[in-house]
Structures are given as C-alpha cells and as structure tokens.
PDB file of N, CA and C in Angstrom:
ATOM      1  N   MET A   1     -65.143   0.355   2.850  1.00  0.00           N
ATOM      2  CA  MET A   1     -63.615   0.207   3.156  1.00  0.00           C
ATOM      3  C   MET A   1     -62.910   0.340   1.810  1.00  0.00           C
ATOM      4  N   LYS A   2     -61.889   1.093   1.822  1.00  0.00           N
ATOM      5  CA  LYS A   2     -61.015   1.365   0.680  1.00  0.00           C
ATOM      6  C   LYS A   2     -59.975   0.331   0.454  1.00  0.00           C
ATOM      7  N   GLN A   3     -59.996  -0.206  -0.765  1.00  0.00           N
ATOM      8  CA  GLN A   3     -58.963  -1.290  -1.011  1.00  0.00           C
ATOM      9  C   GLN A   3     -57.666  -0.699  -1.287  1.00  0.00           C
ATOM     10  N   PRO A   4     -56.567  -1.476  -1.000  1.00  0.00           N
ATOM     11  CA  PRO A   4     -55.227  -0.830  -1.289  1.00  0.00           C
ATOM     12  C   PRO A   4     -54.957  -0.867  -2.670  1.00  0.00           C
ATOM     13  N   PRO A   5     -54.018  -0.070  -3.261  1.00  0.00           N
ATOM     14  CA  PRO A   5     -53.930  -0.024  -4.709  1.00  0.00           C
ATOM     15  C   PRO A   5     -53.177  -1.394  -5.074  1.00  0.00           C
ATOM     16  N   PRO A   6     -53.459  -1.773  -6.328  1.00  0.00           N
ATOM     17  CA  PRO A   6     -52.899  -3.132  -6.807  1.00  0.00           C
ATOM     18  C   PRO A   6     -51.340  -2.969  -6.762  1.00  0.00           C
ATOM     19  N   ARG A   7     -50.720  -4.127  -6.483  1.00  0.00           N
ATOM     20  CA  ARG A   7     -49.162  -4.248  -6.621  1.00  0.00           C
ATOM     21  C   ARG A   7     -48.760  -4.153  -8.115  1.00  0.00           C
ATOM     22  N   ARG A   8     -47.644  -3.541  -8.241  1.00  0.00           N
ATOM     23  CA  ARG A   8     -47.010  -3.455  -9.616  1.00  0.00           C
ATOM     24  C   ARG A   8     -45.778  -4.349  -9.565  1.00  0.00           C
ATOM     25  N   TYR A   9     -45.526  -4.877 -10.681  1.00  0.00           N
ATOM     26  CA  TYR A   9     -44.266  -5.804 -10.778  1.00  0.00           C
ATOM     27  C   TYR A   9     -43.242  -5.155 -11.935  1.00  0.00           C
ATOM     28  N   ILE A  10     -42.193  -5.548 -11.759  1.00  0.00           N
ATOM     29  CA  ILE A  10     -41.110  -5.299 -12.646  1.00  0.00           C
ATOM     30  C   ILE A  10     -40.684  -6.600 -13.264  1.00  0.00           C
ATOM     31  N   GLN A  11     -40.681  -6.616 -14.622  1.00  0.00           N
ATOM     32  CA  GLN A  11     -40.199  -7.924 -15.304  1.00  0.00           C
ATOM     33  C   GLN A  11     -38.769  -7.615 -15.892  1.00  0.00           C
ATOM     34  N   SER A  12     -37.850  -8.504 -15.772  1.00  0.00           N
ATOM     35  CA  SER A  12     -36.625  -8.508 -16.486  1.00  0.00           C
ATOM     36  C   SER A  12     -36.191  -9.712 -17.123  1.00  0.00           C
ATOM     37  N   PHE A  13     -35.301  -9.562 -18.172  1.00  0.00           N
ATOM     38  CA  PHE A  13     -35.030 -10.751 -19.055  1.00  0.00           C
ATOM     39  C   PHE A  13     -33.500 -10.754 -19.258  1.00  0.00           C
ATOM     40  N   GLN A  14     -32.958 -11.980 -19.349  1.00  0.00           N
ATOM     41  CA  GLN A  14     -31.506 -12.155 -19.652  1.00  0.00           C
ATOM     42  C   GLN A  14     -31.424 -13.419 -20.518  1.00  0.00           C
ATOM     43  N   ALA A  15     -30.536 -13.375 -21.495  1.00  0.00           N
ATOM     44  CA  ALA A  15     -30.271 -14.478 -22.363  1.00  0.00           C
ATOM     45  C   ALA A  15     -28.833 -15.084 -21.829  1.00  0.00           C
ATOM     46  N   GLU A  16     -28.815 -16.400 -21.766  1.00  0.00           N
ATOM     47  CA  GLU A  16     -27.519 -17.061 -21.501  1.00  0.00           C
ATOM     48  C   GLU A  16     -27.288 -18.316 -22.392  1.00  0.00           C
ATOM     49  N   ARG A  17     -26.062 -18.562 -22.706  1.00  0.00           N
ATOM     50  CA  ARG A  17     -25.680 -19.791 -23.389  1.00  0.00           C
ATOM     51  C   ARG A  17     -26.162 -20.968 -22.569  1.00  0.00           C
ATOM     52  N   PHE A  18     -26.595 -22.032 -23.193  1.00  0.00           N
ATOM     53  CA  PHE A  18     -26.862 -23.191 -22.558  1.00  0.00           C
ATOM     54  C   PHE A  18     -26.669 -24.308 -23.566  1.00  0.00           C
ATOM     55  N   TYR A  19     -25.666 -25.162 -23.436  1.00  0.00           N
ATOM     56  CA  TYR A  19     -25.186 -26.120 -24.268  1.00  0.00           C
ATOM     57  C   TYR A  19     -25.000 -25.487 -25.683  1.00  0.00           C
ATOM     58  N   LYS A  20     -25.781 -25.937 -26.715  1.00  0.00           N
ATOM     59  CA  LYS A  20     -25.607 -25.357 -28.048  1.00  0.00           C
ATOM     60  C   LYS A  20     -26.599 -24.201 -28.331  1.00  0.00           C
ATOM     61  N   GLY A  21     -27.508 -23.909 -27.416  1.00  0.00           N
ATOM     62  CA  GLY A  21     -28.479 -22.802 -27.669  1.00  0.00           C
ATOM     63  C   GLY A  21     -28.386 -21.772 -26.593  1.00  0.00           C
ATOM     64  N   ARG A  22     -29.512 -21.289 -26.320  1.00  0.00           N
ATOM     65  CA  ARG A  22     -29.711 -20.142 -25.333  1.00  0.00           C
ATOM     66  C   ARG A  22     -30.898 -20.389 -24.464  1.00  0.00           C
ATOM     67  N   ARG A  23     -30.790 -19.919 -23.302  1.00  0.00           N
ATOM     68  CA  ARG A  23     -31.923 -19.989 -22.322  1.00  0.00           C
ATOM     69  C   ARG A  23     -32.301 -18.459 -22.031  1.00  0.00           C
ATOM     70  N   HIS A  24     -33.571 -18.088 -22.040  1.00  0.00           N
ATOM     71  CA  HIS A  24     -33.838 -16.805 -21.854  1.00  0.00           C
ATOM     72  C   HIS A  24     -34.611 -16.836 -20.410  1.00  0.00           C
ATOM     73  N   TYR A  25     -33.838 -16.280 -19.480  1.00  0.00           N
ATOM     74  CA  TYR A  25     -34.272 -16.203 -18.033  1.00  0.00           C
ATOM     75  C   TYR A  25     -35.177 -14.982 -17.919  1.00  0.00           C
ATOM     76  N   TRP A  26     -36.162 -15.090 -16.991  1.00  0.00           N
ATOM     77  CA  TRP A  26     -37.017 -14.009 -16.676  1.00  0.00           C
ATOM     78  C   TRP A  26     -37.172 -13.938 -15.182  1.00  0.00           C
ATOM     79  N   THR A  27     -37.371 -12.774 -14.562  1.00  0.00           N
ATOM     80  CA  THR A  27     -37.526 -12.578 -13.239  1.00  0.00           C
ATOM     81  C   THR A  27     -38.673 -11.505 -13.047  1.00  0.00           C
ATOM     82  N   VAL A  28     -39.296 -11.636 -11.872  1.00  0.00           N
ATOM     83  CA  VAL A  28     -40.344 -10.708 -11.596  1.00  0.00           C
ATOM     84  C   VAL A  28     -40.145 -10.256 -10.163  1.00  0.00           C
ATOM     85  N   CYS A  29     -40.078  -8.912  -9.993  1.00  0.00           N
ATOM     86  CA  CYS A  29     -39.914  -8.312  -8.632  1.00  0.00           C
ATOM     87  C   CYS A  29     -41.029  -7.341  -8.450  1.00  0.00           C
ATOM     88  N   ARG A  30     -41.282  -7.051  -7.112  1.00  0.00           N
ATOM     89  CA  ARG A  30     -42.303  -6.018  -6.887  1.00  0.00           C
ATOM     90  C   ARG A  30     -41.715  -4.640  -7.181  1.00  0.00           C
ATOM     91  N   GLU A  31     -42.520  -3.757  -7.640  1.00  0.00           N
ATOM     92  CA  GLU A  31     -41.992  -2.336  -7.850  1.00  0.00           C
ATOM     93  C   GLU A  31     -41.543  -1.633  -6.618  1.00  0.00           C
ATOM     94  N   ASP A  32     -42.250  -1.847  -5.454  1.00  0.00           N
ATOM     95  CA  ASP A  32     -41.867  -1.174  -4.306  1.00  0.00           C
ATOM     96  C   ASP A  32     -40.732  -1.761  -3.571  1.00  0.00           C
ATOM     97  N   LYS A  33     -40.369  -3.023  -3.936  1.00  0.00           N
ATOM     98  CA  LYS A  33     -39.194  -3.798  -3.371  1.00  0.00           C
ATOM     99  C   LYS A  33     -38.464  -4.398  -4.583  1.00  0.00           C
ATOM    100  N   PRO A  34     -37.714  -3.654  -5.364  1.00  0.00           N
ATOM    101  CA  PRO A  34     -37.158  -4.326  -6.579  1.00  0.00           C
ATOM    102  C   PRO A  34     -35.888  -5.290  -6.302  1.00  0.00           C
ATOM    103  N   ASP A  35     -35.477  -5.316  -5.047  1.00  0.00           N
ATOM    104  CA  ASP A  35     -34.288  -6.187  -4.815  1.00  0.00           C
ATOM    105  C   ASP A  35     -34.876  -7.521  -4.240  1.00  0.00           C
ATOM    106  N   GLU A  36     -36.170  -7.750  -4.101  1.00  0.00           N
ATOM    107  CA  GLU A  36     -36.749  -8.923  -3.637  1.00  0.00           C
ATOM    108  C   GLU A  36     -37.287  -9.635  -4.801  1.00  0.00           C
ATOM    109  N   LEU A  37     -36.716 -10.859  -5.097  1.00  0.00           N
ATOM    110  CA  LEU A  37     -37.193 -11.676  -6.136  1.00  0.00           C
ATOM    111  C   LEU A  37     -38.580 -12.285  -5.769  1.00  0.00           C
ATOM    112  N   VAL A  38     -39.568 -12.161  -6.681  1.00  0.00           N
ATOM    113  CA  VAL A  38     -40.841 -12.775  -6.365  1.00  0.00           C
ATOM    114  C   VAL A  38     -41.051 -13.963  -7.063  1.00  0.00           C
ATOM    115  N   SER A  39     -40.588 -14.075  -8.334  1.00  0.00           N
ATOM    116  CA  SER A  39     -40.791 -15.217  -9.311  1.00  0.00           C
ATOM    117  C   SER A  39     -39.746 -15.382 -10.319  1.00  0.00           C
ATOM    118  N   TRP A  40     -39.350 -16.476 -10.892  1.00  0.00           N
ATOM    119  CA  TRP A  40     -38.463 -16.574 -11.952  1.00  0.00           C
ATOM    120  C   TRP A  40     -38.698 -17.835 -12.733  1.00  0.00           C
ATOM    121  N   GLY A  41     -38.065 -17.885 -14.000  1.00  0.00           N
ATOM    122  CA  GLY A  41     -38.189 -19.051 -14.829  1.00  0.00           C
ATOM    123  C   GLY A  41     -37.297 -18.887 -16.095  1.00  0.00           C
ATOM    124  N   TYR A  42     -37.409 -19.777 -16.911  1.00  0.00           N
ATOM    125  CA  TYR A  42     -36.689 -19.626 -18.213  1.00  0.00           C
ATOM    126  C   TYR A  42     -37.538 -20.290 -19.298  1.00  0.00           C
ATOM    127  N   ALA A  43     -37.185 -19.846 -20.517  1.00  0.00           N
ATOM    128  CA  ALA A  43     -37.800 -20.441 -21.720  1.00  0.00           C
ATOM    129  C   ALA A  43     -36.772 -20.485 -22.799  1.00  0.00           C
ATOM    130  N   LEU A  44     -37.148 -21.156 -23.922  1.00  0.00           N
ATOM    131  CA  LEU A  44     -36.140 -21.269 -25.064  1.00  0.00           C
ATOM    132  C   LEU A  44     -36.199 -20.183 -25.905  1.00  0.00           C
ATOM    133  N   THR A  45     -37.105 -19.299 -25.937  1.00  0.00           N
ATOM    134  CA  THR A  45     -37.048 -18.062 -26.762  1.00  0.00           C
ATOM    135  C   THR A  45     -37.490 -16.855 -25.918  1.00  0.00           C
ATOM    136  N   LEU A  46     -37.126 -15.635 -26.336  1.00  0.00           N
ATOM    137  CA  LEU A  46     -37.482 -14.473 -25.744  1.00  0.00           C
ATOM    138  C   LEU A  46     -38.934 -14.280 -25.697  1.00  0.00           C
ATOM    139  N   GLU A  47     -39.566 -14.626 -26.744  1.00  0.00           N
ATOM    140  CA  GLU A  47     -41.121 -14.472 -26.872  1.00  0.00           C
ATOM    141  C   GLU A  47     -41.723 -15.400 -25.814  1.00  0.00           C
ATOM    142  N   LEU A  48     -41.247 -16.634 -25.662  1.00  0.00           N
ATOM    143  CA  LEU A  48     -41.836 -17.481 -24.650  1.00  0.00           C
ATOM    144  C   LEU A  48     -41.586 -17.008 -23.265  1.00  0.00           C
ATOM    145  N   ALA A  49     -40.396 -16.473 -23.092  1.00  0.00           N
ATOM    146  CA  ALA A  49     -40.046 -15.918 -21.694  1.00  0.00           C
ATOM    147  C   ALA A  49     -40.972 -14.675 -21.389  1.00  0.00           C
ATOM    148  N   GLU A  50     -41.191 -13.822 -22.360  1.00  0.00           N
ATOM    149  CA  GLU A  50     -42.086 -12.693 -22.137  1.00  0.00           C
ATOM    150  C   GLU A  50     -43.414 -13.156 -21.837  1.00  0.00           C
ATOM    151  N   THR A  51     -43.975 -14.108 -22.565  1.00  0.00           N
ATOM    152  CA  THR A  51     -45.327 -14.622 -22.286  1.00  0.00           C
ATOM    153  C   THR A  51     -45.422 -15.346 -20.858  1.00  0.00           C
ATOM    154  N   ALA A  52     -44.528 -16.015 -20.523  1.00  0.00           N
ATOM    155  CA  ALA A  52     -44.381 -16.732 -19.265  1.00  0.00           C
ATOM    156  C   ALA A  52     -44.298 -15.735 -17.979  1.00  0.00           C
ATOM    157  N   ALA A  53     -43.492 -14.643 -18.245  1.00  0.00           N
ATOM    158  CA  ALA A  53     -43.402 -13.561 -17.131  1.00  0.00           C
ATOM    159  C   ALA A  53     -44.716 -12.856 -17.037  1.00  0.00           C
ATOM    160  N   GLN A  54     -45.299 -12.517 -18.203  1.00  0.00           N
ATOM    161  CA  GLN A  54     -46.683 -11.773 -18.135  1.00  0.00           C
ATOM    162  C   GLN A  54     -47.740 -12.601 -17.512  1.00  0.00           C
ATOM    163  N   ASN A  55     -47.686 -13.956 -17.816  1.00  0.00           N
ATOM    164  CA  ASN A  55     -48.683 -14.912 -17.257  1.00  0.00           C
ATOM    165  C   ASN A  55     -48.529 -14.927 -15.748  1.00  0.00           C
ATOM    166  N   GLU A  56     -47.258 -14.837 -15.204  1.00  0.00           N
ATOM    167  CA  GLU A  56     -46.949 -15.000 -13.918  1.00  0.00           C
ATOM    168  C   GLU A  56     -47.340 -13.637 -13.189  1.00  0.00           C
ATOM    169  N   VAL A  57     -47.216 -12.500 -13.869  1.00  0.00           N
ATOM    170  CA  VAL A  57     -47.582 -11.362 -13.253  1.00  0.00           C
ATOM    171  C   VAL A  57     -49.072 -11.225 -13.130  1.00  0.00           C
ATOM    172  N   ASP A  58     -49.741 -11.793 -14.163  1.00  0.00           N
ATOM    173  CA  ASP A  58     -51.250 -11.830 -14.066  1.00  0.00           C
ATOM    174  C   ASP A  58     -51.751 -12.741 -12.891  1.00  0.00           C
ATOM    175  N   ALA A  59     -51.048 -13.904 -12.773  1.00  0.00           N
ATOM    176  CA  ALA A  59     -51.451 -14.764 -11.660  1.00  0.00           C
ATOM    177  C   ALA A  59     -51.077 -14.165 -10.354  1.00  0.00           C
ATOM    178  N   LEU A  60     -49.985 -13.436 -10.158  1.00  0.00           N
ATOM    179  CA  LEU A  60     -49.700 -12.756  -8.886  1.00  0.00           C
ATOM    180  C   LEU A  60     -50.676 -11.736  -8.603  1.00  0.00           C
ATOM    181  N   SER A  61     -51.001 -10.944  -9.577  1.00  0.00           N
ATOM    182  CA  SER A  61     -52.043  -9.802  -9.445  1.00  0.00           C
ATOM    183  C   SER A  61     -53.366 -10.375  -9.042  1.00  0.00           C
ATOM    184  N   SER A  62     -53.833 -11.462  -9.582  1.00  0.00           N
ATOM    185  CA  SER A  62     -55.160 -12.079  -9.191  1.00  0.00           C
ATOM    186  C   SER A  62     -55.109 -12.950  -7.948  1.00  0.00           C
ATOM    187  N   GLY A  63     -53.981 -13.128  -7.434  1.00  0.00           N
ATOM    188  CA  GLY A  63     -53.871 -13.965  -6.092  1.00  0.00           C
ATOM    189  C   GLY A  63     -53.800 -15.404  -6.392  1.00  0.00           C
ATOM    190  N   GLN A  64     -53.610 -15.811  -7.596  1.00  0.00           N
ATOM    191  CA  GLN A  64     -53.586 -17.237  -7.885  1.00  0.00           C
ATOM    192  C   GLN A  64     -52.355 -17.961  -7.554  1.00  0.00           C
ATOM    193  N   THR A  65     -51.287 -17.274  -7.307  1.00  0.00           N
ATOM    194  CA  THR A  65     -49.979 -17.788  -6.953  1.00  0.00           C
ATOM    195  C   THR A  65     -49.311 -16.704  -6.037  1.00  0.00           C
ATOM    196  N   LYS A  66     -48.200 -17.246  -5.261  1.00  0.00           N
ATOM    197  CA  LYS A  66     -47.483 -16.272  -4.382  1.00  0.00           C
ATOM    198  C   LYS A  66     -46.144 -16.276  -4.920  1.00  0.00           C
ATOM    199  N   GLY A  67     -45.767 -16.699  -6.045  1.00  0.00           N
ATOM    200  CA  GLY A  67     -44.494 -16.586  -6.695  1.00  0.00           C
ATOM    201  C   GLY A  67     -43.638 -17.846  -6.451  1.00  0.00           C
ATOM    202  N   GLY A  68     -42.360 -17.760  -6.814  1.00  0.00           N
ATOM    203  CA  GLY A  68     -41.375 -18.859  -6.881  1.00  0.00           C
ATOM    204  C   GLY A  68     -40.883 -19.158  -8.205  1.00  0.00           C
ATOM    205  N   ARG A  69     -40.346 -20.390  -8.380  1.00  0.00           N
ATOM    206  CA  ARG A  69     -39.949 -20.747  -9.735  1.00  0.00           C
ATOM    207  C   ARG A  69     -41.093 -21.391 -10.534  1.00  0.00           C
ATOM    208  N   VAL A  70     -41.126 -20.897 -11.704  1.00  0.00           N
ATOM    209  CA  VAL A  70     -42.162 -21.401 -12.593  1.00  0.00           C
ATOM    210  C   VAL A  70     -41.545 -22.298 -13.487  1.00  0.00           C
ATOM    211  N   ILE A  71     -42.019 -23.540 -13.658  1.00  0.00           N
ATOM    212  CA  ILE A  71     -41.517 -24.506 -14.438  1.00  0.00           C
ATOM    213  C   ILE A  71     -41.948 -24.392 -15.886  1.00  0.00           C
ATOM    214  N   ASP A  72     -41.095 -24.527 -16.780  1.00  0.00           N
ATOM    215  CA  ASP A  72     -41.331 -24.247 -18.236  1.00  0.00           C
ATOM    216  C   ASP A  72     -42.293 -25.329 -18.756  1.00  0.00           C
ATOM    217  N   THR A  73     -43.381 -25.016 -19.080  1.00  0.00           N
ATOM    218  CA  THR A  73     -44.325 -25.982 -19.717  1.00  0.00           C
ATOM    219  C   THR A  73     -44.491 -25.958 -21.177  1.00  0.00           C
ATOM    220  N   SER A  74     -43.456 -25.187 -21.780  1.00  0.00           N
ATOM    221  CA  SER A  74     -43.522 -25.133 -23.317  1.00  0.00           C
ATOM    222  C   SER A  74     -42.646 -26.040 -24.008  1.00  0.00           C
ATOM    223  N   LYS A  75     -41.964 -26.825 -23.315  1.00  0.00           N
ATOM    224  CA  LYS A  75     -41.027 -27.840 -23.895  1.00  0.00           C
ATOM    225  C   LYS A  75     -41.810 -28.992 -24.578  1.00  0.00           C
ATOM    226  N   PRO A  76     -41.285 -29.267 -25.749  1.00  0.00           N
ATOM    227  CA  PRO A  76     -41.928 -30.351 -26.551  1.00  0.00           C
ATOM    228  C   PRO A  76     -41.735 -31.739 -25.771  1.00  0.00           C
ATOM    229  N   ALA A  77     -42.840 -32.553 -25.958  1.00  0.00           N
ATOM    230  CA  ALA A  77     -42.770 -33.869 -25.372  1.00  0.00           C
ATOM    231  C   ALA A  77     -41.527 -34.657 -25.893  1.00  0.00           C
ATOM    232  N   ILE A  78     -40.879 -35.422 -25.129  1.00  0.00           N
ATOM    233  CA  ILE A  78     -39.764 -36.281 -25.587  1.00  0.00           C
ATOM    234  C   ILE A  78     -40.361 -37.723 -25.755  1.00  0.00           C
ATOM    235  N   ASN A  79     -39.906 -38.322 -26.919  1.00  0.00           N
ATOM    236  CA  ASN A  79     -40.361 -39.589 -27.277  1.00  0.00           C
ATOM    237  C   ASN A  79     -39.268 -40.515 -26.663  1.00  0.00           C
ATOM    238  N   ARG A  80     -39.609 -41.227 -25.630  1.00  0.00           N
ATOM    239  CA  ARG A  80     -38.707 -42.104 -24.930  1.00  0.00           C
ATOM    240  C   ARG A  80     -38.981 -43.655 -25.355  1.00  0.00           C
ATOM    241  N   ARG A  81     -37.937 -44.287 -25.455  1.00  0.00           N
ATOM    242  CA  ARG A  81     -38.030 -45.675 -25.965  1.00  0.00           C
ATOM    243  C   ARG A  81     -37.602 -46.493 -24.813  1.00  0.00           C
ATOM    244  N   CYS A  82     -38.341 -47.624 -24.523  1.00  0.00           N
ATOM    245  CA  CYS A  82     -37.971 -48.485 -23.420  1.00  0.00           C
ATOM    246  C   CYS A  82     -37.018 -49.572 -24.083  1.00  0.00           C
ATOM    247  N   TRP A  83     -35.829 -49.692 -23.748  1.00  0.00           N
ATOM    248  CA  TRP A  83     -34.844 -50.591 -24.395  1.00  0.00           C
ATOM    249  C   TRP A  83     -34.972 -52.015 -23.792  1.00  0.00           C
ATOM    250  N   HIS A  84     -35.413 -52.094 -22.600  1.00  0.00           N
ATOM    251  CA  HIS A  84     -35.490 -53.413 -21.886  1.00  0.00           C
ATOM    252  C   HIS A  84     -36.848 -54.170 -22.089  1.00  0.00           C
ATOM    253  N   CYS A  85     -37.814 -53.519 -22.828  1.00  0.00           N
ATOM    254  CA  CYS A  85     -39.089 -54.091 -22.951  1.00  0.00           C
ATOM    255  C   CYS A  85     -39.146 -55.096 -24.222  1.00  0.00           C
TER     256      CYS A  85
END
C-alpha cells in the first residue's frame, strides 16, 4: 500500500515589543492550508523561536503532537523567596 506524501509546513516569525524587551512569536501552518494555524508559541530571541518552531515541525511530522500552543521552556528559573516562612 502506498503511503501518502509527508505533510509540509510553513514557519513564520514576528517580533513585538513586550515590556522593556521583545517577544519573538512563531507560527506553523500546513503548506496545503496556509490559513489554518497548526501551532504557535514565542521565545525571547529569534534564534530560540526558530529552534522551537523547527522542533514543533519535527514533532508534527513524526506524529508526536497534533499542534496547539507550545509553552516556552527556555525561560530561566526564577528564584522565589517565601516572605512568610
């Protein structure tokens, strides 16, 4: 039985001001349906956004995910102090 051709995806990027810095948003759409958003997210730098978008395309292509918002996992850990302890 012949397998269908693999799906191809379009990645796009846009930077927007956010407080004192910038957020780099990325989106992934299917090539055959460019108006339908498959997945999106944001990162602190364009390089991180490009990496996250490519990782999402790889996951979509392998069937590991079906899309949606991808939570940024590249944020540094915040040192929180308990004031009432």
